[in-house]
Amino acid sequence: ERVCVCVVCSALFFVHHAFFSAFLGHKQVSVEDVRAFCKGKLATFKIPQYVVMVEEYPMTVTGKIQKFLLRDMAAAALGLTKG
């Protein structure tokens, strides 16, 4: 699984974070693999500035990924606070 979230840094500036499971299928994936794949498939401004490998995603009881928690994790890593 993979999830991309945007974190608002200022009124007009977004930082793209990509969260990936360390294993996609049976192959182990590295941060470099993700960036190399994106460079050939996405416009430059859409390539995630940060790639984070996670063991598991925060899930709801119905099995959906809680993207708001990933967004909070990304903001905390950047030193941003709500306010």
C-alpha atoms as a PDB file:
ATOM      1  CA  GLU A   1       0.000   0.000   0.000  1.00  0.00           C
ATOM      2  CA  ARG A   2       1.010   3.597  -0.528  1.00  0.00           C
ATOM      3  CA  VAL A   3      -0.504   6.900   0.537  1.00  0.00           C
ATOM      4  CA  CYS A   4       0.387  10.473  -0.381  1.00  0.00           C
ATOM      5  CA  VAL A   5      -0.615  13.437   1.749  1.00  0.00           C
ATOM      6  CA  CYS A   6       0.023  17.164   1.460  1.00  0.00           C
ATOM      7  CA  VAL A   7       1.015  19.316   4.400  1.00  0.00           C
ATOM      8  CA  VAL A   8       0.287  23.045   4.212  1.00  0.00           C
ATOM      9  CA  CYS A   9       3.406  25.019   5.182  1.00  0.00           C
ATOM     10  CA  SER A  10       2.075  28.470   4.317  1.00  0.00           C
ATOM     11  CA  ALA A  11      -0.807  30.029   2.428  1.00  0.00           C
ATOM     12  CA  LEU A  12       0.509  28.926  -0.972  1.00  0.00           C
ATOM     13  CA  PHE A  13       3.083  26.240  -0.193  1.00  0.00           C
ATOM     14  CA  PHE A  14       2.406  22.515   0.124  1.00  0.00           C
ATOM     15  CA  VAL A  15       4.893  19.790   0.983  1.00  0.00           C
ATOM     16  CA  HIS A  16       4.183  16.370  -0.473  1.00  0.00           C
ATOM     17  CA  HIS A  17       4.802  13.391   1.788  1.00  0.00           C
ATOM     18  CA  ALA A  18       4.559   9.831   0.501  1.00  0.00           C
ATOM     19  CA  PHE A  19       4.054   6.983   2.954  1.00  0.00           C
ATOM     20  CA  PHE A  20       4.916   3.492   1.786  1.00  0.00           C
ATOM     21  CA  SER A  21       4.927   0.082   3.314  1.00  0.00           C
ATOM     22  CA  ALA A  22       8.516  -1.184   3.248  1.00  0.00           C
ATOM     23  CA  PHE A  23       7.308  -4.205   1.276  1.00  0.00           C
ATOM     24  CA  LEU A  24       5.174  -3.942  -1.840  1.00  0.00           C
ATOM     25  CA  GLY A  25       4.130  -7.433  -2.775  1.00  0.00           C
ATOM     26  CA  HIS A  26       7.196  -9.569  -2.097  1.00  0.00           C
ATOM     27  CA  LYS A  27       9.824  -6.971  -3.007  1.00  0.00           C
ATOM     28  CA  GLN A  28      11.464  -4.679  -0.490  1.00  0.00           C
ATOM     29  CA  VAL A  29      11.251  -1.045  -1.623  1.00  0.00           C
ATOM     30  CA  SER A  30      13.700   1.721  -0.714  1.00  0.00           C
ATOM     31  CA  VAL A  31      13.281   5.495  -0.654  1.00  0.00           C
ATOM     32  CA  GLU A  32      15.551   5.735  -3.700  1.00  0.00           C
ATOM     33  CA  ASP A  33      13.339   3.245  -5.594  1.00  0.00           C
ATOM     34  CA  VAL A  34      10.277   5.401  -4.928  1.00  0.00           C
ATOM     35  CA  ARG A  35      11.949   8.620  -6.063  1.00  0.00           C
ATOM     36  CA  ALA A  36      13.384   6.992  -9.203  1.00  0.00           C
ATOM     37  CA  PHE A  37       9.952   5.627 -10.115  1.00  0.00           C
ATOM     38  CA  CYS A  38       8.278   9.016  -9.568  1.00  0.00           C
ATOM     39  CA  LYS A  39      10.811  10.896 -11.700  1.00  0.00           C
ATOM     40  CA  GLY A  40       9.778   8.933 -14.750  1.00  0.00           C
ATOM     41  CA  LYS A  41       6.038   9.090 -14.114  1.00  0.00           C
ATOM     42  CA  LEU A  42       5.128  12.401 -12.421  1.00  0.00           C
ATOM     43  CA  ALA A  43       5.593  16.073 -13.125  1.00  0.00           C
ATOM     44  CA  THR A  44       8.495  17.479 -11.097  1.00  0.00           C
ATOM     45  CA  PHE A  45       6.269  19.513  -8.769  1.00  0.00           C
ATOM     46  CA  LYS A  46       4.249  16.391  -7.885  1.00  0.00           C
ATOM     47  CA  ILE A  47       7.233  14.285  -6.797  1.00  0.00           C
ATOM     48  CA  PRO A  48       7.105  13.864  -3.001  1.00  0.00           C
ATOM     49  CA  GLN A  49       9.737  15.904  -1.176  1.00  0.00           C
ATOM     50  CA  TYR A  50       9.711  13.332   1.642  1.00  0.00           C
ATOM     51  CA  VAL A  51       9.254   9.584   1.496  1.00  0.00           C
ATOM     52  CA  VAL A  52       8.526   7.726   4.721  1.00  0.00           C
ATOM     53  CA  MET A  53       8.587   3.950   5.089  1.00  0.00           C
ATOM     54  CA  VAL A  54       6.128   2.614   7.656  1.00  0.00           C
ATOM     55  CA  GLU A  55       5.539  -0.820   9.127  1.00  0.00           C
ATOM     56  CA  GLU A  56       1.778  -0.305   9.182  1.00  0.00           C
ATOM     57  CA  TYR A  57      -0.721   2.459   8.609  1.00  0.00           C
ATOM     58  CA  PRO A  58      -3.088   3.861  11.234  1.00  0.00           C
ATOM     59  CA  MET A  59      -6.422   2.262  10.382  1.00  0.00           C
ATOM     60  CA  THR A  60     -10.048   2.767  11.307  1.00  0.00           C
ATOM     61  CA  VAL A  61     -12.095  -0.136  12.630  1.00  0.00           C
ATOM     62  CA  THR A  62     -13.528  -0.532   9.125  1.00  0.00           C
ATOM     63  CA  GLY A  63     -10.056  -0.916   7.587  1.00  0.00           C
ATOM     64  CA  LYS A  64      -9.567   2.518   6.020  1.00  0.00           C
ATOM     65  CA  ILE A  65      -6.264   4.390   6.302  1.00  0.00           C
ATOM     66  CA  GLN A  66      -6.513   7.409   8.610  1.00  0.00           C
ATOM     67  CA  LYS A  67      -4.876  10.011   6.368  1.00  0.00           C
ATOM     68  CA  PHE A  68      -5.364  12.798   8.900  1.00  0.00           C
ATOM     69  CA  LEU A  69      -3.009  10.971  11.276  1.00  0.00           C
ATOM     70  CA  LEU A  70      -0.415  10.616   8.501  1.00  0.00           C
ATOM     71  CA  ARG A  71      -0.788  14.341   7.784  1.00  0.00           C
ATOM     72  CA  ASP A  72      -0.218  15.066  11.490  1.00  0.00           C
ATOM     73  CA  MET A  73       2.884  12.819  11.499  1.00  0.00           C
ATOM     74  CA  ALA A  74       4.259  14.648   8.447  1.00  0.00           C
ATOM     75  CA  ALA A  75       3.591  18.060   9.993  1.00  0.00           C
ATOM     76  CA  ALA A  76       5.277  17.009  13.257  1.00  0.00           C
ATOM     77  CA  ALA A  77       8.339  15.791  11.327  1.00  0.00           C
ATOM     78  CA  LEU A  78       8.577  19.217   9.685  1.00  0.00           C
ATOM     79  CA  GLY A  79       8.165  21.010  13.010  1.00  0.00           C
ATOM     80  CA  LEU A  80       4.822  22.522  12.048  1.00  0.00           C
ATOM     81  CA  THR A  81       2.040  22.969  14.568  1.00  0.00           C
ATOM     82  CA  LYS A  82      -1.653  23.522  14.175  1.00  0.00           C
ATOM     83  CA  GLY A  83      -2.766  26.915  15.005  1.00  0.00           C
END
